[in-house]
Amino acid sequence: MTEAFVGLGANLGDKDATLHAALAALAALPGTRLLAASGFYRSAPVEASGPEYLNAVACIETELPAETLLDALQAIEQAHGRERPYINAPRTLDMDLLLYGDQSVATPRLTVPHPRMTQRAFVLLPLLEIAPGRQDLAAHLLTLADQRIERQ
C-alpha cells in the first residue's frame, strides 16, 4: 500500500457537491482507502480566468500503481463532465496526483511530485492541514502571500 495525496478543485457547477462526490468516488476505488480529507478552500484562479475555485486535498492509501491511479482520477473527472478545451480552462472537476509515497515519477503522462504544487497556495494550505509534518512544503507558502485563499 502506498500513501498518496490528491488535489481536488472545481470552479463550475455545484462545486461543494462535486468535491464531496469526488471524495466518495476516490474512497470507492479498488484497493484504495480514504485516510483524510482537508476542509474546502475558496481561491481565485491562478494563471487562469473564470469563477473562484473550491479546493481540497485528500490523503489515500492505495494498491494502485501511480499511472493506474491517474487513469482512475481522470475517469472520476470525466464522470463529472470535465472538458479540456484549452489549458487552465474552467472546470467542473480537476483531480491531480500530488504525491505518491516518497516516489518520483516522470513519464509523458505523469510527473510526481506534482511540478507546480509548491507554487499554489490552494494546494499547500489544504495539504498541510492533513499532513502538518510536511515542513519541507510549508516554507513555500511564504512566497505565495499574493494568492487569495480562505477556508470555507
Protein backbone atom coordinates (compact mmCIF):
# COMPACT_ATOMS: atom_id res chain seq x y z
CA MET A 1 0.00 0.00 0.00
CA THR A 2 1.19 3.48 -0.87
CA GLU A 3 0.11 6.71 0.78
CA ALA A 4 -0.80 9.29 -1.85
CA PHE A 5 -2.13 12.85 -1.83
CA VAL A 6 -4.68 14.02 -4.38
CA GLY A 7 -5.62 17.65 -5.05
CA LEU A 8 -9.23 18.39 -5.96
CA GLY A 9 -10.67 21.57 -7.43
CA ALA A 10 -13.77 22.85 -9.19
CA ASN A 11 -14.97 26.23 -10.37
CA LEU A 12 -18.08 25.34 -12.40
CA GLY A 13 -21.44 23.98 -11.25
CA ASP A 14 -22.21 22.93 -7.69
CA LYS A 15 -18.60 22.91 -6.53
CA ASP A 16 -19.33 21.77 -2.98
CA ALA A 17 -21.42 18.77 -4.11
CA THR A 18 -18.87 17.90 -6.78
CA LEU A 19 -15.97 17.79 -4.32
CA HIS A 20 -17.99 15.66 -1.88
CA ALA A 21 -18.91 13.25 -4.70
CA ALA A 22 -15.30 13.13 -5.91
CA LEU A 23 -14.07 12.26 -2.41
CA ALA A 24 -16.64 9.45 -2.23
CA ALA A 25 -15.54 8.18 -5.65
CA LEU A 26 -11.91 8.31 -4.57
CA ALA A 27 -12.70 6.28 -1.44
CA ALA A 28 -14.54 3.71 -3.61
CA LEU A 29 -11.58 2.98 -5.90
CA PRO A 30 -10.45 -0.64 -5.77
CA GLY A 31 -7.61 -1.31 -3.34
CA THR A 32 -7.90 2.23 -2.00
CA ARG A 33 -8.86 3.73 1.34
CA LEU A 34 -9.52 7.40 2.10
CA LEU A 35 -7.39 8.29 5.14
CA ALA A 36 -8.13 12.02 5.42
CA ALA A 37 -9.62 14.95 3.57
CA SER A 38 -8.92 18.61 4.19
CA GLY A 39 -11.55 21.25 4.59
CA PHE A 40 -12.66 23.12 1.48
CA TYR A 41 -10.85 26.30 0.46
CA ARG A 42 -12.06 29.10 -1.81
CA SER A 43 -9.40 30.61 -4.05
CA ALA A 44 -9.02 32.85 -7.05
CA PRO A 45 -7.88 31.20 -10.27
CA VAL A 46 -4.08 31.11 -10.71
CA GLU A 47 -2.79 31.63 -14.26
CA ALA A 48 -6.41 31.30 -15.43
CA SER A 49 -9.70 33.16 -15.61
CA GLY A 50 -13.21 32.27 -14.55
CA PRO A 51 -15.09 31.94 -11.26
CA GLU A 52 -13.36 31.25 -7.97
CA TYR A 53 -12.36 27.69 -7.18
CA LEU A 54 -13.23 25.38 -4.36
CA ASN A 55 -10.24 23.18 -3.48
CA ALA A 56 -9.33 20.35 -1.14
CA VAL A 57 -6.66 17.68 -0.70
CA ALA A 58 -7.25 14.02 0.11
CA CYS A 59 -4.85 11.50 1.58
CA ILE A 60 -5.39 7.94 0.44
CA GLU A 61 -3.75 4.60 0.88
CA THR A 62 -3.79 2.63 -2.36
CA GLU A 63 -2.58 -0.54 -4.03
CA LEU A 64 -2.96 1.10 -7.45
CA PRO A 65 0.24 1.94 -9.35
CA ALA A 66 0.69 5.68 -9.95
CA GLU A 67 -0.40 5.69 -13.61
CA THR A 68 -3.38 3.44 -12.87
CA LEU A 69 -4.38 5.88 -10.13
CA LEU A 70 -4.04 8.75 -12.63
CA ASP A 71 -6.38 6.87 -15.01
CA ALA A 72 -8.89 6.45 -12.17
CA LEU A 73 -8.70 10.15 -11.27
CA GLN A 74 -9.30 11.13 -14.89
CA ALA A 75 -12.28 8.76 -15.07
CA ILE A 76 -13.78 10.46 -11.99
CA GLU A 77 -13.22 13.84 -13.68
CA GLN A 78 -14.95 12.60 -16.84
CA ALA A 79 -17.89 11.28 -14.81
CA HIS A 80 -18.34 14.86 -13.54
CA GLY A 81 -18.31 16.41 -17.01
CA ARG A 82 -14.68 17.52 -17.16
CA GLU A 83 -13.76 19.06 -20.50
CA ARG A 84 -10.31 20.21 -21.62
CA PRO A 85 -10.91 22.81 -24.35
CA TYR A 86 -7.68 24.67 -23.51
CA ILE A 87 -5.01 24.87 -20.80
CA ASN A 88 -6.34 26.13 -17.46
CA ALA A 89 -9.93 26.27 -18.73
CA PRO A 90 -12.64 26.50 -16.06
CA ARG A 91 -13.62 23.01 -14.93
CA THR A 92 -16.33 21.03 -13.23
CA LEU A 93 -13.66 18.90 -11.53
CA ASP A 94 -9.88 18.70 -11.51
CA MET A 95 -8.01 15.94 -9.69
CA ASP A 96 -4.21 15.95 -9.52
CA LEU A 97 -1.91 13.31 -8.09
CA LEU A 98 0.33 15.47 -5.89
CA LEU A 99 2.46 12.91 -4.04
CA TYR A 100 2.75 9.15 -4.39
CA GLY A 101 4.58 7.84 -1.36
CA ASP A 102 8.16 9.05 -1.50
CA GLN A 103 8.40 8.14 -5.16
CA SER A 104 9.35 10.38 -8.04
CA VAL A 105 7.56 9.65 -11.30
CA ALA A 106 8.45 11.22 -14.64
CA THR A 107 6.57 9.85 -17.63
CA PRO A 108 4.99 11.62 -20.60
CA ARG A 109 1.63 11.46 -18.77
CA LEU A 110 2.57 11.97 -15.14
CA THR A 111 5.05 13.90 -13.03
CA VAL A 112 5.11 13.29 -9.27
CA PRO A 113 5.64 15.19 -7.06
CA HIS A 114 3.28 17.49 -8.93
CA PRO A 115 5.55 20.05 -10.60
CA ARG A 116 3.55 23.17 -9.63
CA MET A 117 2.22 22.25 -6.20
CA THR A 118 4.76 24.45 -4.39
CA GLN A 119 3.53 27.42 -6.47
CA ARG A 120 -0.11 27.04 -5.43
CA ALA A 121 -1.50 28.14 -2.06
CA PHE A 122 -4.72 26.28 -2.93
CA VAL A 123 -2.70 23.04 -2.86
CA LEU A 124 -0.33 23.74 0.02
CA LEU A 125 -2.81 25.00 2.64
CA PRO A 126 -5.16 22.02 2.42
CA LEU A 127 -2.23 19.61 2.08
CA LEU A 128 -0.57 20.96 5.21
CA GLU A 129 -3.90 20.77 7.05
CA ILE A 130 -3.88 16.97 6.71
CA ALA A 131 -0.09 16.47 6.59
CA PRO A 132 1.26 19.03 9.07
CA GLY A 133 4.61 17.26 9.28
CA ARG A 134 5.49 18.27 5.72
CA GLN A 135 7.55 21.29 6.75
CA ASP A 136 9.53 20.90 3.53
CA LEU A 137 6.42 22.25 1.80
CA ALA A 138 5.35 24.80 4.42
CA ALA A 139 8.23 27.16 3.63
CA HIS A 140 6.84 27.66 0.12
CA LEU A 141 3.71 29.34 1.50
CA LEU A 142 5.76 32.42 2.39
CA THR A 143 6.27 33.12 -1.31
CA LEU A 144 2.54 32.79 -2.09
CA ALA A 145 1.11 35.56 0.08
CA ASP A 146 -0.34 37.27 -3.02
CA GLN A 147 -2.65 34.29 -3.77
CA ARG A 148 -6.09 34.84 -2.24
CA ILE A 149 -7.37 31.79 -0.39
CA GLU A 150 -9.73 31.23 2.53
CA ARG A 151 -11.09 28.18 4.29
CA GLN A 152 -14.80 27.68 3.71
